[in-house]
Amino acid sequence: MSHRRPAFVFLDLGNVIVSFDRPRAHRQMADAAGLPLAAVEAVLAETRLEERLERGLVDWPGFHAEFSARTGSACDPRRLAEAASDMFTLNVALLPVIAGLERAGLPLGILSNTCGIHWEHLLRSGYAVLPGRFAVTVLSHEVAAVKPEPAIYAAAAARAGVPPEAIFFCDDIPAHVEAARACGWDAEVFESASGLIDALDRRGLDLGV
């Protein structure tokens, strides 16, 4: 199958640019709030607070207030936010890929289901690639839509300023990739940095790595 050279590249954030450990975040939230882990996980499952935070349906003060009321806890909101956010590790193997795309003159963007406290934590972490290497960031909580909903891909394409068929996208979740393809994008499932390099090479992009 032949592929055209893209005019814009979007990368997912979680488990592509950075890895994350949600069970670790839940354990830290339990410790910060002085609660059993099972109680925290039960409340999060019942209320879908994390999903609502990613959708922009609740902000962090609202999340903290509902979490506190449901669990009967009184944790400082900043401490709970740090506990919920300190779960990311930079995918160092991807850095040469990002640098190669820059050298090739490809504008880059992030398309992610994420919330404000996680994004702010990542910006404070000192990773040089965030957000400086990315011309466009499309974050679910800001656009009130999540992958794999068509609305978030439409918002991303509009911000990229190129036709959908000129966009290449890489995400670790197959359903998100299929949804991008349904919107006319060229997309591949992320499995490794080397796999992404091969996918880009098939599209005429020699990254020199």
N, C-alpha and C. Protein backbone atom coordinates (compact mmCIF):
# COMPACT_ATOMS: atom_id res chain seq x y z
N MET A 1 0.85 -1.21 0.00
CA MET A 1 0.00 0.00 0.00
C MET A 1 0.88 1.25 0.00
N SER A 2 0.60 2.17 -0.91
CA SER A 2 1.37 3.41 -0.99
C SER A 2 0.76 4.48 -0.09
N HIS A 3 1.62 5.36 0.41
CA HIS A 3 1.18 6.45 1.28
C HIS A 3 1.80 7.74 0.79
N ARG A 4 1.06 8.82 0.96
CA ARG A 4 1.59 10.12 0.57
C ARG A 4 2.39 10.71 1.72
N ARG A 5 3.30 11.61 1.38
CA ARG A 5 4.05 12.35 2.40
C ARG A 5 3.09 13.29 3.11
N PRO A 6 3.04 13.26 4.43
CA PRO A 6 2.10 14.13 5.15
C PRO A 6 2.58 15.58 5.16
N ALA A 7 1.63 16.47 5.39
CA ALA A 7 1.96 17.88 5.56
C ALA A 7 1.94 18.29 7.02
N PHE A 8 1.38 17.40 7.87
CA PHE A 8 1.28 17.69 9.31
C PHE A 8 1.27 16.35 10.04
N VAL A 9 1.94 16.29 11.19
CA VAL A 9 1.99 15.07 11.98
C VAL A 9 1.44 15.34 13.38
N PHE A 10 0.44 14.57 13.76
CA PHE A 10 -0.08 14.59 15.12
C PHE A 10 0.38 13.32 15.84
N LEU A 11 0.82 13.48 17.08
CA LEU A 11 1.16 12.36 17.93
C LEU A 11 0.26 12.38 19.17
N ASP A 12 -0.12 11.19 19.62
CA ASP A 12 -0.79 11.06 20.90
C ASP A 12 0.20 11.39 22.01
N LEU A 13 -0.31 11.72 23.17
CA LEU A 13 0.55 12.05 24.31
C LEU A 13 0.82 10.81 25.17
N GLY A 14 -0.23 10.26 25.77
CA GLY A 14 -0.07 9.15 26.68
C GLY A 14 0.28 7.85 25.99
N ASN A 15 1.36 7.22 26.45
CA ASN A 15 1.89 5.97 25.91
C ASN A 15 2.45 6.11 24.50
N VAL A 16 2.70 7.36 24.10
CA VAL A 16 3.46 7.63 22.88
C VAL A 16 4.61 8.58 23.25
N ILE A 17 4.29 9.83 23.54
CA ILE A 17 5.33 10.78 23.94
C ILE A 17 5.77 10.53 25.38
N VAL A 18 4.82 10.23 26.24
CA VAL A 18 5.11 9.87 27.63
C VAL A 18 4.35 8.59 27.96
N SER A 19 4.91 7.80 28.85
CA SER A 19 4.15 6.67 29.40
C SER A 19 3.49 7.13 30.69
N PHE A 20 2.47 6.40 31.13
CA PHE A 20 1.83 6.77 32.38
C PHE A 20 1.41 5.51 33.14
N ASP A 21 1.27 5.68 34.45
CA ASP A 21 0.96 4.58 35.35
C ASP A 21 -0.23 5.01 36.21
N ARG A 22 -1.44 4.76 35.70
CA ARG A 22 -2.64 5.21 36.41
C ARG A 22 -2.81 4.52 37.77
N PRO A 23 -2.53 3.21 37.89
CA PRO A 23 -2.62 2.61 39.24
C PRO A 23 -1.73 3.32 40.26
N ARG A 24 -0.55 3.77 39.83
CA ARG A 24 0.32 4.54 40.73
C ARG A 24 -0.38 5.82 41.17
N ALA A 25 -1.02 6.51 40.24
CA ALA A 25 -1.74 7.74 40.59
C ALA A 25 -2.84 7.45 41.60
N HIS A 26 -3.56 6.37 41.42
CA HIS A 26 -4.63 6.03 42.35
C HIS A 26 -4.07 5.71 43.73
N ARG A 27 -2.95 5.01 43.79
CA ARG A 27 -2.33 4.72 45.08
C ARG A 27 -1.89 6.01 45.77
N GLN A 28 -1.33 6.93 45.00
CA GLN A 28 -0.88 8.20 45.57
C GLN A 28 -2.06 9.04 46.04
N MET A 29 -3.15 9.01 45.30
CA MET A 29 -4.35 9.73 45.73
C MET A 29 -4.88 9.15 47.04
N ALA A 30 -4.87 7.83 47.14
CA ALA A 30 -5.33 7.19 48.37
C ALA A 30 -4.45 7.60 49.55
N ASP A 31 -3.14 7.60 49.35
CA ASP A 31 -2.22 8.00 50.41
C ASP A 31 -2.43 9.46 50.82
N ALA A 32 -2.59 10.33 49.81
CA ALA A 32 -2.76 11.75 50.09
C ALA A 32 -4.05 12.03 50.86
N ALA A 33 -5.10 11.27 50.54
CA ALA A 33 -6.41 11.49 51.17
C ALA A 33 -6.60 10.65 52.43
N GLY A 34 -5.63 9.77 52.73
CA GLY A 34 -5.76 8.91 53.90
C GLY A 34 -6.88 7.90 53.77
N LEU A 35 -7.01 7.32 52.58
CA LEU A 35 -8.10 6.41 52.28
C LEU A 35 -7.56 5.07 51.80
N PRO A 36 -8.35 4.01 51.95
CA PRO A 36 -7.97 2.74 51.32
C PRO A 36 -8.02 2.88 49.80
N LEU A 37 -7.10 2.21 49.12
CA LEU A 37 -7.07 2.27 47.66
C LEU A 37 -8.40 1.84 47.06
N ALA A 38 -9.00 0.80 47.62
CA ALA A 38 -10.27 0.29 47.09
C ALA A 38 -11.36 1.36 47.13
N ALA A 39 -11.35 2.19 48.17
CA ALA A 39 -12.37 3.24 48.28
C ALA A 39 -12.19 4.29 47.20
N VAL A 40 -10.93 4.65 46.92
CA VAL A 40 -10.65 5.63 45.87
C VAL A 40 -11.06 5.08 44.51
N GLU A 41 -10.68 3.85 44.23
CA GLU A 41 -11.00 3.26 42.93
C GLU A 41 -12.51 3.12 42.76
N ALA A 42 -13.23 2.79 43.83
CA ALA A 42 -14.68 2.65 43.74
C ALA A 42 -15.35 3.98 43.42
N VAL A 43 -14.91 5.03 44.08
CA VAL A 43 -15.50 6.35 43.83
C VAL A 43 -15.21 6.82 42.41
N LEU A 44 -13.99 6.63 41.96
CA LEU A 44 -13.64 7.05 40.61
C LEU A 44 -14.43 6.28 39.56
N ALA A 45 -14.65 4.99 39.81
CA ALA A 45 -15.44 4.18 38.87
C ALA A 45 -16.90 4.59 38.87
N GLU A 46 -17.46 4.84 40.05
CA GLU A 46 -18.88 5.17 40.16
C GLU A 46 -19.20 6.54 39.57
N THR A 47 -18.32 7.49 39.78
CA THR A 47 -18.59 8.87 39.38
C THR A 47 -18.07 9.21 37.99
N ARG A 48 -17.14 8.38 37.47
CA ARG A 48 -16.47 8.65 36.19
C ARG A 48 -15.82 10.04 36.21
N LEU A 49 -15.31 10.40 37.38
CA LEU A 49 -14.73 11.73 37.53
C LEU A 49 -13.54 11.95 36.60
N GLU A 50 -12.71 10.93 36.41
CA GLU A 50 -11.54 11.10 35.56
C GLU A 50 -11.95 11.35 34.11
N GLU A 51 -12.94 10.61 33.64
CA GLU A 51 -13.43 10.82 32.27
C GLU A 51 -14.05 12.20 32.13
N ARG A 52 -14.82 12.61 33.12
CA ARG A 52 -15.46 13.94 33.05
C ARG A 52 -14.43 15.05 33.09
N LEU A 53 -13.33 14.83 33.82
CA LEU A 53 -12.24 15.81 33.85
C LEU A 53 -11.59 15.92 32.48
N GLU A 54 -11.37 14.78 31.82
CA GLU A 54 -10.77 14.79 30.48
C GLU A 54 -11.70 15.42 29.45
N ARG A 55 -13.00 15.28 29.65
CA ARG A 55 -13.97 15.87 28.71
C ARG A 55 -14.20 17.37 28.96
N GLY A 56 -13.66 17.89 30.02
CA GLY A 56 -13.90 19.28 30.34
C GLY A 56 -15.25 19.52 30.97
N LEU A 57 -15.91 18.45 31.43
CA LEU A 57 -17.23 18.59 32.05
C LEU A 57 -17.13 19.02 33.51
N VAL A 58 -15.95 18.85 34.09
CA VAL A 58 -15.69 19.30 35.46
C VAL A 58 -14.26 19.82 35.50
N ASP A 59 -14.02 20.87 36.26
CA ASP A 59 -12.66 21.38 36.42
C ASP A 59 -12.06 20.78 37.69
N TRP A 60 -10.79 21.12 37.98
CA TRP A 60 -10.16 20.50 39.13
C TRP A 60 -10.84 20.86 40.46
N PRO A 61 -11.22 22.12 40.70
CA PRO A 61 -11.94 22.40 41.94
C PRO A 61 -13.23 21.58 42.07
N GLY A 62 -13.92 21.40 40.95
CA GLY A 62 -15.13 20.58 40.98
C GLY A 62 -14.83 19.12 41.24
N PHE A 63 -13.77 18.61 40.62
CA PHE A 63 -13.34 17.23 40.86
C PHE A 63 -13.01 17.05 42.34
N HIS A 64 -12.20 17.95 42.88
CA HIS A 64 -11.77 17.84 44.27
C HIS A 64 -12.97 17.89 45.22
N ALA A 65 -13.92 18.79 44.95
CA ALA A 65 -15.09 18.92 45.82
C ALA A 65 -15.93 17.64 45.81
N GLU A 66 -16.15 17.09 44.62
CA GLU A 66 -16.96 15.87 44.54
C GLU A 66 -16.22 14.67 45.12
N PHE A 67 -14.93 14.57 44.82
CA PHE A 67 -14.13 13.48 45.39
C PHE A 67 -14.15 13.54 46.92
N SER A 68 -13.98 14.75 47.46
CA SER A 68 -13.95 14.91 48.91
C SER A 68 -15.29 14.55 49.54
N ALA A 69 -16.37 15.00 48.90
CA ALA A 69 -17.69 14.71 49.43
C ALA A 69 -18.02 13.23 49.38
N ARG A 70 -17.64 12.59 48.30
CA ARG A 70 -17.95 11.17 48.12
C ARG A 70 -17.13 10.28 49.05
N THR A 71 -15.91 10.70 49.34
CA THR A 71 -15.02 9.86 50.16
C THR A 71 -14.98 10.30 51.62
N GLY A 72 -15.53 11.47 51.92
CA GLY A 72 -15.45 11.99 53.28
C GLY A 72 -14.05 12.40 53.67
N SER A 73 -13.24 12.78 52.67
CA SER A 73 -11.86 13.18 52.92
C SER A 73 -11.72 14.69 52.84
N ALA A 74 -10.56 15.19 53.31
CA ALA A 74 -10.33 16.63 53.31
C ALA A 74 -8.89 16.93 52.91
N CYS A 75 -8.46 16.32 51.81
CA CYS A 75 -7.09 16.51 51.32
C CYS A 75 -6.94 17.87 50.64
N ASP A 76 -5.80 18.50 50.83
CA ASP A 76 -5.51 19.76 50.13
C ASP A 76 -5.61 19.55 48.63
N PRO A 77 -6.32 20.42 47.90
CA PRO A 77 -6.52 20.19 46.46
C PRO A 77 -5.22 20.15 45.66
N ARG A 78 -4.22 20.94 46.06
CA ARG A 78 -2.96 20.92 45.33
C ARG A 78 -2.21 19.61 45.57
N ARG A 79 -2.28 19.12 46.80
CA ARG A 79 -1.62 17.84 47.09
C ARG A 79 -2.30 16.70 46.35
N LEU A 80 -3.62 16.73 46.29
CA LEU A 80 -4.33 15.67 45.57
C LEU A 80 -4.05 15.75 44.07
N ALA A 81 -3.95 16.96 43.54
CA ALA A 81 -3.64 17.13 42.11
C ALA A 81 -2.27 16.57 41.78
N GLU A 82 -1.29 16.83 42.64
CA GLU A 82 0.06 16.30 42.40
C GLU A 82 0.06 14.78 42.50
N ALA A 83 -0.67 14.25 43.46
CA ALA A 83 -0.76 12.79 43.60
C ALA A 83 -1.38 12.16 42.36
N ALA A 84 -2.39 12.81 41.79
CA ALA A 84 -3.08 12.29 40.62
C ALA A 84 -2.26 12.45 39.34
N SER A 85 -1.28 13.34 39.37
CA SER A 85 -0.56 13.69 38.14
C SER A 85 0.85 13.13 38.05
N ASP A 86 1.44 12.79 39.18
CA ASP A 86 2.84 12.34 39.20
C ASP A 86 2.91 10.87 38.80
N MET A 87 2.68 10.61 37.51
CA MET A 87 2.65 9.23 37.02
C MET A 87 3.25 9.09 35.62
N PHE A 88 3.91 10.15 35.14
CA PHE A 88 4.38 10.17 33.76
C PHE A 88 5.89 9.97 33.66
N THR A 89 6.32 9.34 32.56
CA THR A 89 7.74 9.17 32.24
C THR A 89 7.93 9.48 30.77
N LEU A 90 8.89 10.32 30.46
CA LEU A 90 9.16 10.68 29.07
C LEU A 90 9.64 9.45 28.29
N ASN A 91 9.07 9.26 27.10
CA ASN A 91 9.52 8.19 26.21
C ASN A 91 10.76 8.70 25.46
N VAL A 92 11.92 8.48 26.04
CA VAL A 92 13.16 9.02 25.50
C VAL A 92 13.43 8.49 24.09
N ALA A 93 13.00 7.27 23.81
CA ALA A 93 13.24 6.68 22.50
C ALA A 93 12.57 7.47 21.38
N LEU A 94 11.56 8.28 21.73
CA LEU A 94 10.85 9.04 20.70
C LEU A 94 11.54 10.36 20.37
N LEU A 95 12.47 10.80 21.19
CA LEU A 95 13.10 12.10 20.97
C LEU A 95 13.80 12.22 19.62
N PRO A 96 14.56 11.21 19.17
CA PRO A 96 15.18 11.32 17.84
C PRO A 96 14.14 11.39 16.71
N VAL A 97 13.00 10.76 16.92
CA VAL A 97 11.93 10.82 15.91
C VAL A 97 11.40 12.24 15.80
N ILE A 98 11.14 12.85 16.95
CA ILE A 98 10.64 14.23 16.96
C ILE A 98 11.66 15.17 16.35
N ALA A 99 12.94 14.97 16.70
CA ALA A 99 14.00 15.81 16.13
C ALA A 99 14.10 15.62 14.62
N GLY A 100 13.96 14.37 14.16
CA GLY A 100 14.01 14.10 12.74
C GLY A 100 12.88 14.74 11.98
N LEU A 101 11.68 14.73 12.56
CA LEU A 101 10.53 15.37 11.93
C LEU A 101 10.74 16.88 11.84
N GLU A 102 11.34 17.45 12.87
CA GLU A 102 11.66 18.88 12.83
C GLU A 102 12.64 19.19 11.70
N ARG A 103 13.68 18.38 11.60
CA ARG A 103 14.67 18.59 10.54
C ARG A 103 14.04 18.47 9.16
N ALA A 104 13.03 17.60 9.06
CA ALA A 104 12.35 17.42 7.78
C ALA A 104 11.37 18.55 7.48
N GLY A 105 11.20 19.45 8.42
CA GLY A 105 10.32 20.60 8.21
C GLY A 105 8.85 20.30 8.39
N LEU A 106 8.53 19.20 9.09
CA LEU A 106 7.13 18.83 9.31
C LEU A 106 6.59 19.51 10.56
N PRO A 107 5.52 20.28 10.45
CA PRO A 107 4.89 20.81 11.66
C PRO A 107 4.28 19.68 12.47
N LEU A 108 4.41 19.79 13.80
CA LEU A 108 3.98 18.73 14.70
C LEU A 108 2.88 19.21 15.64
N GLY A 109 2.02 18.27 16.01
CA GLY A 109 0.98 18.58 16.98
C GLY A 109 0.76 17.42 17.93
N ILE A 110 0.15 17.72 19.06
CA ILE A 110 -0.27 16.71 20.03
C ILE A 110 -1.78 16.64 20.00
N LEU A 111 -2.31 15.43 19.93
CA LEU A 111 -3.76 15.19 20.00
C LEU A 111 -3.98 14.19 21.12
N SER A 112 -4.57 14.65 22.22
CA SER A 112 -4.59 13.82 23.42
C SER A 112 -5.89 13.94 24.19
N ASN A 113 -6.32 12.80 24.73
CA ASN A 113 -7.35 12.80 25.78
C ASN A 113 -6.63 13.04 27.10
N THR A 114 -6.73 14.23 27.63
CA THR A 114 -6.06 14.54 28.89
C THR A 114 -6.79 15.67 29.59
N CYS A 115 -6.40 15.92 30.81
CA CYS A 115 -7.05 16.96 31.62
C CYS A 115 -6.03 18.05 31.96
N GLY A 116 -6.54 19.15 32.49
CA GLY A 116 -5.69 20.30 32.77
C GLY A 116 -4.59 20.02 33.77
N ILE A 117 -4.90 19.29 34.86
CA ILE A 117 -3.86 19.08 35.88
C ILE A 117 -2.74 18.20 35.35
N HIS A 118 -3.06 17.24 34.48
CA HIS A 118 -2.01 16.40 33.92
C HIS A 118 -1.14 17.20 32.95
N TRP A 119 -1.77 17.99 32.10
CA TRP A 119 -1.01 18.80 31.15
C TRP A 119 -0.12 19.80 31.89
N GLU A 120 -0.66 20.45 32.90
CA GLU A 120 0.13 21.42 33.66
C GLU A 120 1.30 20.74 34.38
N HIS A 121 1.07 19.53 34.89
CA HIS A 121 2.15 18.78 35.54
C HIS A 121 3.26 18.48 34.53
N LEU A 122 2.89 18.05 33.32
CA LEU A 122 3.88 17.75 32.30
C LEU A 122 4.67 18.99 31.90
N LEU A 123 4.01 20.13 31.82
CA LEU A 123 4.72 21.36 31.47
C LEU A 123 5.70 21.76 32.56
N ARG A 124 5.37 21.45 33.81
CA ARG A 124 6.28 21.76 34.92
C ARG A 124 7.43 20.75 35.03
N SER A 125 7.32 19.64 34.33
CA SER A 125 8.32 18.58 34.48
C SER A 125 9.64 18.88 33.80
N GLY A 126 9.66 19.90 32.96
CA GLY A 126 10.92 20.31 32.34
C GLY A 126 11.28 19.55 31.09
N TYR A 127 10.34 18.81 30.51
CA TYR A 127 10.62 18.10 29.26
C TYR A 127 10.72 19.12 28.13
N ALA A 128 11.87 19.20 27.50
CA ALA A 128 12.10 20.24 26.50
C ALA A 128 11.16 20.14 25.30
N VAL A 129 10.66 18.93 25.03
CA VAL A 129 9.79 18.76 23.86
C VAL A 129 8.38 19.27 24.11
N LEU A 130 8.04 19.55 25.38
CA LEU A 130 6.67 19.97 25.70
C LEU A 130 6.64 21.39 26.23
N PRO A 131 5.91 22.28 25.58
CA PRO A 131 5.23 22.07 24.30
C PRO A 131 6.04 22.57 23.12
N GLY A 132 7.31 22.96 23.38
CA GLY A 132 8.09 23.71 22.42
C GLY A 132 8.23 23.10 21.05
N ARG A 133 8.27 21.76 20.96
CA ARG A 133 8.46 21.13 19.67
C ARG A 133 7.14 20.95 18.91
N PHE A 134 6.04 21.32 19.53
CA PHE A 134 4.73 21.06 18.93
C PHE A 134 4.00 22.38 18.67
N ALA A 135 3.71 22.60 17.39
CA ALA A 135 3.07 23.86 16.99
C ALA A 135 1.62 23.93 17.44
N VAL A 136 0.98 22.77 17.56
CA VAL A 136 -0.45 22.71 17.88
C VAL A 136 -0.66 21.68 18.98
N THR A 137 -1.45 22.02 19.99
CA THR A 137 -1.87 21.04 20.99
C THR A 137 -3.39 21.04 21.03
N VAL A 138 -3.96 19.87 20.83
CA VAL A 138 -5.41 19.70 20.87
C VAL A 138 -5.69 18.73 22.02
N LEU A 139 -6.21 19.27 23.11
CA LEU A 139 -6.41 18.52 24.34
C LEU A 139 -7.91 18.39 24.61
N SER A 140 -8.32 17.19 24.95
CA SER A 140 -9.75 16.89 25.04
C SER A 140 -10.51 17.83 25.98
N HIS A 141 -9.90 18.15 27.12
CA HIS A 141 -10.62 18.98 28.09
C HIS A 141 -10.83 20.40 27.58
N GLU A 142 -10.00 20.83 26.61
CA GLU A 142 -10.14 22.18 26.07
C GLU A 142 -11.16 22.25 24.94
N VAL A 143 -11.36 21.14 24.22
CA VAL A 143 -12.28 21.16 23.08
C VAL A 143 -13.58 20.42 23.38
N ALA A 144 -13.72 19.90 24.61
CA ALA A 144 -14.96 19.23 25.05
C ALA A 144 -15.34 18.05 24.17
N ALA A 145 -14.33 17.31 23.73
CA ALA A 145 -14.55 16.09 22.95
C ALA A 145 -13.35 15.19 23.16
N VAL A 146 -13.59 13.87 23.11
CA VAL A 146 -12.50 12.91 23.32
C VAL A 146 -12.40 11.97 22.14
N LYS A 147 -11.19 11.47 21.91
CA LYS A 147 -11.04 10.37 20.94
C LYS A 147 -11.79 9.16 21.47
N PRO A 148 -12.50 8.44 20.63
CA PRO A 148 -12.52 8.47 19.17
C PRO A 148 -13.67 9.26 18.55
N GLU A 149 -14.18 10.29 19.21
CA GLU A 149 -15.30 11.06 18.67
C GLU A 149 -14.84 11.93 17.49
N PRO A 150 -15.62 11.98 16.41
CA PRO A 150 -15.21 12.76 15.24
C PRO A 150 -14.92 14.23 15.54
N ALA A 151 -15.60 14.79 16.54
CA ALA A 151 -15.44 16.22 16.81
C ALA A 151 -14.01 16.60 17.17
N ILE A 152 -13.29 15.73 17.87
CA ILE A 152 -11.94 16.10 18.27
C ILE A 152 -10.99 16.06 17.08
N TYR A 153 -11.25 15.16 16.13
CA TYR A 153 -10.42 15.11 14.92
C TYR A 153 -10.71 16.33 14.04
N ALA A 154 -11.97 16.75 14.00
CA ALA A 154 -12.31 17.94 13.23
C ALA A 154 -11.64 19.17 13.81
N ALA A 155 -11.64 19.27 15.13
CA ALA A 155 -10.98 20.41 15.78
C ALA A 155 -9.49 20.40 15.49
N ALA A 156 -8.88 19.20 15.53
CA ALA A 156 -7.44 19.09 15.28
C ALA A 156 -7.10 19.46 13.84
N ALA A 157 -7.89 18.97 12.89
CA ALA A 157 -7.63 19.29 11.48
C ALA A 157 -7.75 20.79 11.23
N ALA A 158 -8.74 21.41 11.87
CA ALA A 158 -8.92 22.86 11.70
C ALA A 158 -7.70 23.62 12.22
N ARG A 159 -7.16 23.18 13.35
CA ARG A 159 -6.00 23.86 13.92
C ARG A 159 -4.73 23.58 13.12
N ALA A 160 -4.65 22.40 12.53
CA ALA A 160 -3.48 22.08 11.70
C ALA A 160 -3.47 22.91 10.42
N GLY A 161 -4.66 23.24 9.93
CA GLY A 161 -4.76 24.08 8.75
C GLY A 161 -4.43 23.38 7.45
N VAL A 162 -4.55 22.06 7.43
CA VAL A 162 -4.31 21.29 6.21
C VAL A 162 -5.48 20.35 6.00
N PRO A 163 -5.68 19.83 4.77
CA PRO A 163 -6.77 18.87 4.55
C PRO A 163 -6.57 17.61 5.38
N PRO A 164 -7.66 16.94 5.78
CA PRO A 164 -7.53 15.72 6.59
C PRO A 164 -6.59 14.69 5.98
N GLU A 165 -6.63 14.53 4.67
CA GLU A 165 -5.81 13.50 4.03
C GLU A 165 -4.31 13.83 4.06
N ALA A 166 -3.98 15.07 4.45
CA ALA A 166 -2.57 15.46 4.54
C ALA A 166 -2.02 15.29 5.96
N ILE A 167 -2.83 14.75 6.87
CA ILE A 167 -2.42 14.57 8.26
C ILE A 167 -2.02 13.12 8.50
N PHE A 168 -0.88 12.94 9.18
CA PHE A 168 -0.48 11.63 9.68
C PHE A 168 -0.62 11.65 11.20
N PHE A 169 -1.18 10.57 11.75
CA PHE A 169 -1.45 10.50 13.19
C PHE A 169 -0.99 9.15 13.73
N CYS A 170 -0.41 9.16 14.93
CA CYS A 170 0.01 7.92 15.58
C CYS A 170 -0.51 7.89 17.00
N ASP A 171 -1.20 6.80 17.36
CA ASP A 171 -1.83 6.64 18.68
C ASP A 171 -1.67 5.19 19.09
N ASP A 172 -1.57 4.95 20.39
CA ASP A 172 -1.39 3.57 20.84
C ASP A 172 -2.68 2.77 20.91
N ILE A 173 -3.83 3.43 20.77
CA ILE A 173 -5.12 2.75 20.88
C ILE A 173 -5.72 2.54 19.48
N PRO A 174 -5.91 1.29 19.06
CA PRO A 174 -6.40 1.03 17.70
C PRO A 174 -7.71 1.74 17.38
N ALA A 175 -8.63 1.83 18.32
CA ALA A 175 -9.91 2.49 18.05
C ALA A 175 -9.73 3.96 17.70
N HIS A 176 -8.73 4.60 18.30
CA HIS A 176 -8.45 6.00 18.00
C HIS A 176 -7.86 6.15 16.60
N VAL A 177 -7.05 5.18 16.20
CA VAL A 177 -6.48 5.19 14.86
C VAL A 177 -7.56 4.96 13.82
N GLU A 178 -8.45 4.00 14.08
CA GLU A 178 -9.54 3.72 13.14
C GLU A 178 -10.45 4.94 12.99
N ALA A 179 -10.71 5.63 14.08
CA ALA A 179 -11.55 6.83 14.01
C ALA A 179 -10.89 7.92 13.18
N ALA A 180 -9.57 8.06 13.33
CA ALA A 180 -8.84 9.05 12.52
C ALA A 180 -8.94 8.71 11.04
N ARG A 181 -8.78 7.43 10.73
CA ARG A 181 -8.89 7.02 9.33
C ARG A 181 -10.28 7.27 8.79
N ALA A 182 -11.30 7.07 9.62
CA ALA A 182 -12.68 7.33 9.20
C ALA A 182 -12.91 8.81 8.90
N CYS A 183 -12.08 9.66 9.51
CA CYS A 183 -12.16 11.10 9.26
C CYS A 183 -11.27 11.53 8.10
N GLY A 184 -10.66 10.56 7.41
CA GLY A 184 -9.85 10.88 6.24
C GLY A 184 -8.37 11.02 6.51
N TRP A 185 -7.94 10.79 7.76
CA TRP A 185 -6.53 10.92 8.09
C TRP A 185 -5.77 9.65 7.71
N ASP A 186 -4.47 9.80 7.56
CA ASP A 186 -3.55 8.67 7.48
C ASP A 186 -3.09 8.41 8.91
N ALA A 187 -3.21 7.17 9.39
CA ALA A 187 -2.91 6.92 10.79
C ALA A 187 -2.37 5.51 10.99
N GLU A 188 -1.56 5.36 12.03
CA GLU A 188 -0.97 4.07 12.39
C GLU A 188 -1.01 3.90 13.90
N VAL A 189 -1.11 2.64 14.32
CA VAL A 189 -1.04 2.32 15.75
C VAL A 189 0.41 2.40 16.21
N PHE A 190 0.64 3.07 17.33
CA PHE A 190 1.99 3.17 17.88
C PHE A 190 2.32 1.92 18.66
N GLU A 191 3.45 1.29 18.31
CA GLU A 191 3.96 0.15 19.06
C GLU A 191 5.37 0.40 19.59
N SER A 192 6.13 1.17 18.86
CA SER A 192 7.50 1.48 19.27
C SER A 192 8.01 2.65 18.44
N ALA A 193 9.09 3.27 18.93
CA ALA A 193 9.71 4.36 18.16
C ALA A 193 10.22 3.84 16.82
N SER A 194 10.81 2.66 16.81
CA SER A 194 11.32 2.12 15.56
C SER A 194 10.19 1.82 14.58
N GLY A 195 9.06 1.36 15.09
CA GLY A 195 7.91 1.13 14.22
C GLY A 195 7.40 2.43 13.63
N LEU A 196 7.41 3.50 14.41
CA LEU A 196 6.99 4.81 13.89
C LEU A 196 7.96 5.31 12.83
N ILE A 197 9.26 5.10 13.05
CA ILE A 197 10.25 5.48 12.05
C ILE A 197 9.99 4.76 10.73
N ASP A 198 9.70 3.45 10.81
CA ASP A 198 9.41 2.68 9.60
C ASP A 198 8.15 3.21 8.90
N ALA A 199 7.11 3.53 9.68
CA ALA A 199 5.87 4.04 9.10
C ALA A 199 6.10 5.36 8.38
N LEU A 200 6.91 6.22 8.97
CA LEU A 200 7.20 7.51 8.34
C LEU A 200 8.08 7.33 7.11
N ASP A 201 9.00 6.37 7.17
CA ASP A 201 9.84 6.08 6.00
C ASP A 201 8.99 5.65 4.80
N ARG A 202 7.95 4.86 5.07
CA ARG A 202 7.05 4.44 3.99
C ARG A 202 6.29 5.62 3.39
N ARG A 203 6.28 6.71 4.10
CA ARG A 203 5.60 7.93 3.62
C ARG A 203 6.58 8.96 3.08
N GLY A 204 7.79 8.50 2.78
CA GLY A 204 8.77 9.37 2.14
C GLY A 204 9.53 10.27 3.09
N LEU A 205 9.53 9.95 4.39
CA LEU A 205 10.21 10.78 5.36
C LEU A 205 11.41 10.01 5.92
N ASP A 206 12.58 10.36 5.45
CA ASP A 206 13.82 9.78 5.97
C ASP A 206 14.29 10.68 7.11
N LEU A 207 14.12 10.18 8.34
CA LEU A 207 14.41 11.01 9.51
C LEU A 207 15.88 11.03 9.88
N GLY A 208 16.69 10.19 9.22
CA GLY A 208 18.11 10.17 9.54
C GLY A 208 18.43 9.56 10.88
N VAL A 209 17.54 8.66 11.36
CA VAL A 209 17.79 7.99 12.65
C VAL A 209 17.67 6.48 12.46
